[in-house]
């Protein structure tokens, strides 16, 4: 066998090998992208997607704007995060399943919102969500209850929206159900984290003693020897309101101080209070 014949045979063998490899590769099924299955097991809950119509309603109830930072606890396929970002907000999804996290990132890229939509693989109970202005979730009641102490420690006014499941005895500030396009899991519940006001407050003219049950408050307003029970007491974030002695009190809680207005008949005046044991603060003139 001369050299040229050997070279031709070698080249032919190489070509046949390449053709065979190509045919084999084409005959193999393409790798399928991950597709979640409704009801699949997760760390704490099974995965069931929130209907898009309810996602929209939840974000409506929370009044999400471009100023908000939304964190979705158990973000699943990322639809709530992506929808929030389309409203101009920044949003983060916290999800334990790494395949779901990657799926969400791909979806965000396809929707062109990757600049404001982030997803992390993490355990809810080991995650920091203290910077959120809005928290969304579709978790079981027992998970909500475990998270509740941390949620109540968030900044007053933080909005919490849940698909269907409650927070135990902490009653929702608002509940709504959607119909169009939603057949199951169609109820949204909103809570607004209340300021912490329980205790005794000093007023120039007396003393205000408050008892707090989440956003509901009761207590007495004392002036001299007269103690008047307060009624219709409520907190909405850092906004406080109650009635006492025929007057309506409204105000804003700022740490250990409250400033507000009193309306009694046709007269209006201002009031301020400082938490007992704290230095008295001068009332604002603004």
Protein backbone atom coordinates (compact mmCIF):
# COMPACT_ATOMS: atom_id res chain seq x y z
CA UNK A 1 0.00 0.00 0.00
CA UNK A 2 1.55 3.33 -1.05
CA UNK A 3 1.44 6.40 1.12
CA UNK A 4 -1.22 8.29 -0.87
CA UNK A 5 -3.60 5.33 -0.69
CA UNK A 6 -3.09 5.13 3.08
CA UNK A 7 -3.87 8.84 3.46
CA UNK A 8 -7.06 8.47 1.38
CA UNK A 9 -8.19 5.54 3.51
CA UNK A 10 -7.49 7.44 6.72
CA UNK A 11 -9.43 10.48 5.52
CA UNK A 12 -12.35 8.29 4.48
CA UNK A 13 -12.40 6.64 7.90
CA UNK A 14 -12.33 10.03 9.61
CA UNK A 15 -15.21 11.30 7.49
CA UNK A 16 -17.29 8.22 8.21
CA UNK A 17 -16.63 8.65 11.94
CA UNK A 18 -17.73 12.28 11.86
CA UNK A 19 -20.86 11.41 9.90
CA UNK A 20 -21.71 8.63 12.36
CA UNK A 21 -21.18 10.95 15.32
CA UNK A 22 -23.42 13.60 13.75
CA UNK A 23 -26.16 11.08 13.01
CA UNK A 24 -25.97 9.76 16.57
CA UNK A 25 -26.18 13.23 18.06
CA UNK A 26 -29.18 14.11 15.91
CA UNK A 27 -30.92 10.90 16.90
CA UNK A 28 -30.69 11.79 20.61
CA UNK A 29 -33.70 13.65 22.04
CA UNK A 30 -33.04 17.35 22.78
CA UNK A 31 -32.71 18.19 26.45
CA UNK A 32 -36.05 19.45 27.67
CA UNK A 33 -36.31 22.65 29.70
CA UNK A 34 -37.60 22.14 33.22
CA UNK A 35 -41.38 22.27 33.48
CA UNK A 36 -42.93 22.33 36.96
CA UNK A 37 -45.89 20.08 37.70
CA UNK A 38 -48.87 21.33 39.68
CA UNK A 39 -48.85 19.60 43.05
CA UNK A 40 -45.16 18.76 43.02
CA UNK A 41 -43.54 18.48 46.43
CA UNK A 42 -41.55 21.37 47.84
CA UNK A 43 -39.71 21.91 51.11
CA UNK A 44 -42.68 23.32 53.03
CA UNK A 45 -45.59 23.24 50.56
CA UNK A 46 -46.59 21.68 47.26
CA UNK A 47 -46.46 23.97 44.25
CA UNK A 48 -49.71 25.35 42.92
CA UNK A 49 -49.52 28.47 40.73
CA UNK A 50 -51.48 31.57 41.70
CA UNK A 51 -53.95 32.44 38.90
CA UNK A 52 -52.78 35.54 37.05
CA UNK A 53 -56.04 37.35 37.77
CA UNK A 54 -55.41 36.90 41.49
CA UNK A 55 -51.77 38.00 41.15
CA UNK A 56 -53.11 41.21 39.63
CA UNK A 57 -55.66 41.62 42.41
CA UNK A 58 -53.08 41.05 45.14
CA UNK A 59 -50.80 43.72 43.71
CA UNK A 60 -53.79 46.05 43.28
CA UNK A 61 -54.73 45.62 46.94
CA UNK A 62 -51.15 46.30 48.01
CA UNK A 63 -51.17 49.41 45.78
CA UNK A 64 -47.80 48.51 44.28
CA UNK A 65 -46.01 51.44 42.64
CA UNK A 66 -42.53 52.02 41.17
CA UNK A 67 -41.44 53.14 44.66
CA UNK A 68 -41.98 49.65 46.09
CA UNK A 69 -39.68 46.74 46.75
CA UNK A 70 -41.76 43.57 46.52
CA UNK A 71 -40.55 40.27 47.96
CA UNK A 72 -42.44 37.10 47.07
CA UNK A 73 -42.01 34.35 49.66
CA UNK A 74 -42.03 31.02 47.84
CA UNK A 75 -41.92 32.57 44.38
CA UNK A 76 -42.53 29.39 42.36
CA UNK A 77 -42.45 30.11 38.62
CA UNK A 78 -41.81 33.81 39.22
CA UNK A 79 -45.08 35.20 37.87
CA UNK A 80 -45.78 37.48 40.86
CA UNK A 81 -42.28 38.98 40.78
CA UNK A 82 -42.45 39.52 37.03
CA UNK A 83 -45.89 41.14 37.26
CA UNK A 84 -44.73 43.48 40.05
CA UNK A 85 -41.73 44.55 37.97
CA UNK A 86 -43.98 45.28 35.00
CA UNK A 87 -45.69 47.78 37.30
CA UNK A 88 -42.37 49.51 37.81
CA UNK A 89 -41.40 48.03 41.18
CA UNK A 90 -38.21 46.22 42.07
CA UNK A 91 -38.94 42.65 43.13
CA UNK A 92 -37.24 39.61 44.59
CA UNK A 93 -38.44 36.01 44.61
CA UNK A 94 -37.25 33.67 47.35
CA UNK A 95 -37.66 30.03 46.30
CA UNK A 96 -36.20 26.80 47.71
CA UNK A 97 -36.35 24.75 44.49
CA UNK A 98 -33.28 25.61 42.35
CA UNK A 99 -35.01 24.44 39.15
CA UNK A 100 -37.84 26.90 39.83
CA UNK A 101 -35.31 29.67 40.40
CA UNK A 102 -33.67 29.04 37.03
CA UNK A 103 -37.07 28.79 35.33
CA UNK A 104 -38.04 32.16 36.85
CA UNK A 105 -34.81 33.76 35.67
CA UNK A 106 -35.42 32.52 32.12
CA UNK A 107 -39.00 33.83 32.22
CA UNK A 108 -37.84 37.22 33.48
CA UNK A 109 -35.29 37.40 30.66
CA UNK A 110 -37.95 36.52 28.06
CA UNK A 111 -40.18 39.28 29.47
CA UNK A 112 -37.32 41.77 29.43
CA UNK A 113 -37.46 42.52 33.17
CA UNK A 114 -34.24 40.93 34.43
CA UNK A 115 -32.89 44.33 35.45
CA UNK A 116 -35.45 44.68 38.26
CA UNK A 117 -36.52 41.05 38.85
CA UNK A 118 -34.24 38.92 41.01
CA UNK A 119 -34.56 35.36 42.23
CA UNK A 120 -32.59 33.52 44.90
CA UNK A 121 -32.56 29.91 46.01
CA UNK A 122 -33.02 30.06 49.79
CA UNK A 123 -34.99 28.88 52.81
CA UNK A 124 -37.71 31.35 53.82
CA UNK A 125 -36.89 30.92 57.49
CA UNK A 126 -33.25 31.81 56.92
CA UNK A 127 -33.88 34.75 54.59
CA UNK A 128 -33.88 38.47 55.27
CA UNK A 129 -36.96 40.20 53.90
CA UNK A 130 -36.84 43.22 56.23
CA UNK A 131 -36.30 45.71 53.38
CA UNK A 132 -39.57 44.86 51.61
CA UNK A 133 -42.36 47.41 51.38
CA UNK A 134 -44.69 44.71 50.04
CA UNK A 135 -44.61 40.97 50.75
CA UNK A 136 -46.63 38.48 48.71
CA UNK A 137 -47.10 34.79 49.51
CA UNK A 138 -49.08 31.64 48.82
CA UNK A 139 -48.14 29.48 51.78
CA UNK A 140 -50.02 27.26 54.20
CA UNK A 141 -51.58 28.76 57.36
CA UNK A 142 -49.03 27.07 59.63
CA UNK A 143 -46.18 28.57 57.60
CA UNK A 144 -47.82 32.00 57.78
CA UNK A 145 -48.03 31.66 61.56
CA UNK A 146 -44.36 30.74 61.82
CA UNK A 147 -43.45 33.80 59.78
CA UNK A 148 -45.90 36.11 61.56
CA UNK A 149 -43.61 37.28 64.41
CA UNK A 150 -40.99 38.40 61.88
CA UNK A 151 -43.65 40.05 59.73
CA UNK A 152 -44.98 42.01 62.71
CA UNK A 153 -41.45 43.30 63.32
CA UNK A 154 -41.30 44.84 59.85
CA UNK A 155 -41.57 48.59 59.36
CA UNK A 156 -45.10 49.82 60.13
CA UNK A 157 -47.02 50.26 56.91
CA UNK A 158 -45.46 47.28 55.14
CA UNK A 159 -48.22 45.59 53.11
CA UNK A 160 -48.63 41.82 53.26
CA UNK A 161 -50.78 40.02 50.70
CA UNK A 162 -51.63 36.32 50.83
CA UNK A 163 -53.36 34.04 48.38
CA UNK A 164 -56.24 32.42 50.34
CA UNK A 165 -54.49 31.61 53.61
CA UNK A 166 -54.83 33.58 56.83
CA UNK A 167 -52.60 34.77 59.67
CA UNK A 168 -54.54 33.10 62.46
CA UNK A 169 -56.17 35.56 64.86
CA UNK A 170 -54.54 38.51 63.08
CA UNK A 171 -57.54 39.50 60.99
CA UNK A 172 -56.97 40.83 57.50
CA UNK A 173 -57.48 44.54 56.86
CA UNK A 174 -59.05 43.72 53.51
CA UNK A 175 -60.29 40.62 51.70
CA UNK A 176 -61.30 40.31 48.05
CA UNK A 177 -62.27 37.49 45.70
CA UNK A 178 -61.84 37.49 41.92
CA UNK A 179 -64.08 35.68 39.48
CA UNK A 180 -63.03 36.20 35.88
CA UNK A 181 -60.41 33.68 34.86
CA UNK A 182 -60.10 32.20 38.33
CA UNK A 183 -61.69 28.93 39.40
CA UNK A 184 -59.64 27.94 42.47
CA UNK A 185 -57.50 29.86 44.96
CA UNK A 186 -59.27 33.10 44.13
CA UNK A 187 -59.17 35.04 47.41
CA UNK A 188 -56.63 37.70 48.34
CA UNK A 189 -56.04 38.93 51.89
CA UNK A 190 -54.24 42.14 52.84
CA UNK A 191 -52.61 43.09 56.13
CA UNK A 192 -50.82 46.32 56.94
CA UNK A 193 -48.12 45.93 59.58
CA UNK A 194 -49.20 48.08 62.55
CA UNK A 195 -46.97 50.27 64.69
CA UNK A 196 -46.34 49.00 68.22
CA UNK A 197 -48.21 51.24 70.66
CA UNK A 198 -49.15 49.11 73.66
CA UNK A 199 -48.27 50.78 76.95
CA UNK A 200 -48.56 54.16 78.61
CA UNK A 201 -48.16 57.47 76.81
CA UNK A 202 -47.77 60.88 78.41
CA UNK A 203 -49.79 63.84 77.13
CA UNK A 204 -49.48 67.44 78.37
CA UNK A 205 -52.98 67.16 79.75
CA UNK A 206 -52.84 63.59 81.05
CA UNK A 207 -52.08 59.98 80.23
CA UNK A 208 -53.07 57.57 77.48
CA UNK A 209 -52.96 53.85 78.24
CA UNK A 210 -53.23 51.54 75.26
CA UNK A 211 -53.76 47.82 74.86
CA UNK A 212 -53.00 46.42 71.42
CA UNK A 213 -54.38 43.38 69.62
CA UNK A 214 -52.58 43.56 66.27
CA UNK A 215 -54.18 46.55 64.49
CA UNK A 216 -56.98 46.95 67.03
CA UNK A 217 -56.46 49.09 70.14
CA UNK A 218 -58.36 49.82 73.34
CA UNK A 219 -57.56 51.62 76.56
CA UNK A 220 -58.24 54.79 78.55
CA UNK A 221 -57.47 58.49 78.31
CA UNK A 222 -56.89 59.98 81.75
CA UNK A 223 -56.99 63.66 82.63
CA UNK A 224 -56.84 64.54 86.31
CA UNK A 225 -59.20 62.19 88.12
CA UNK A 226 -61.22 61.45 84.99
CA UNK A 227 -60.51 58.28 83.00
CA UNK A 228 -62.39 57.96 79.71
CA UNK A 229 -62.41 54.67 77.77
CA UNK A 230 -61.36 54.92 74.15
CA UNK A 231 -63.49 53.38 71.42
CA UNK A 232 -63.10 52.54 67.73
CA UNK A 233 -59.36 52.30 68.21
CA UNK A 234 -57.39 51.18 65.16
CA UNK A 235 -53.96 51.28 63.58
CA UNK A 236 -53.27 51.34 59.88
CA UNK A 237 -49.53 51.11 59.66
CA UNK A 238 -48.25 54.13 61.61
CA UNK A 239 -51.63 55.89 61.47
CA UNK A 240 -53.61 55.76 64.72
CA UNK A 241 -57.24 56.70 65.32
CA UNK A 242 -59.65 56.42 68.24
CA UNK A 243 -62.52 58.21 69.94
CA UNK A 244 -62.63 59.42 73.54
CA UNK A 245 -65.08 61.68 75.36
CA UNK A 246 -66.94 62.59 72.18
CA UNK A 247 -63.74 63.64 70.35
CA UNK A 248 -62.03 61.95 67.42
CA UNK A 249 -58.26 61.52 67.72
CA UNK A 250 -56.06 60.83 64.70
CA UNK A 251 -52.30 60.82 64.50
CA UNK A 252 -49.04 59.34 63.29
CA UNK A 253 -46.85 57.09 65.40
CA UNK A 254 -43.14 57.72 65.01
CA UNK A 255 -41.19 55.44 67.34
CA UNK A 256 -41.85 56.72 70.86
CA UNK A 257 -43.90 59.74 69.83
CA UNK A 258 -47.36 60.37 68.45
CA UNK A 259 -48.54 63.61 66.85
CA UNK A 260 -51.96 64.31 65.47
CA UNK A 261 -55.24 66.17 65.52
CA UNK A 262 -58.36 66.20 67.67
CA UNK A 263 -61.77 66.92 66.21
CA UNK A 264 -64.55 67.72 68.67
CA UNK A 265 -67.72 69.11 67.18
CA UNK A 266 -66.66 72.10 65.10
CA UNK A 267 -63.37 72.63 66.89
CA UNK A 268 -60.01 71.22 65.89
CA UNK A 269 -56.78 71.10 67.85
CA UNK A 270 -53.48 69.26 67.93
CA UNK A 271 -52.22 66.63 70.34
CA UNK A 272 -48.95 64.87 70.99
CA UNK A 273 -47.83 62.08 73.28
CA UNK A 274 -44.56 60.47 74.31
CA UNK A 275 -44.12 56.89 75.43
CA UNK A 276 -43.78 56.77 79.23
CA UNK A 277 -40.16 56.58 80.34
CA UNK A 278 -38.93 58.33 77.19
CA UNK A 279 -37.76 61.95 76.96
CA UNK A 280 -40.57 64.28 75.94
CA UNK A 281 -40.37 65.39 72.32
CA UNK A 282 -41.37 68.84 71.17
CA UNK A 283 -44.45 68.75 68.93
CA UNK A 284 -43.87 69.35 65.24
CA UNK A 285 -44.89 72.74 63.89
CA UNK A 286 -45.19 71.51 60.31
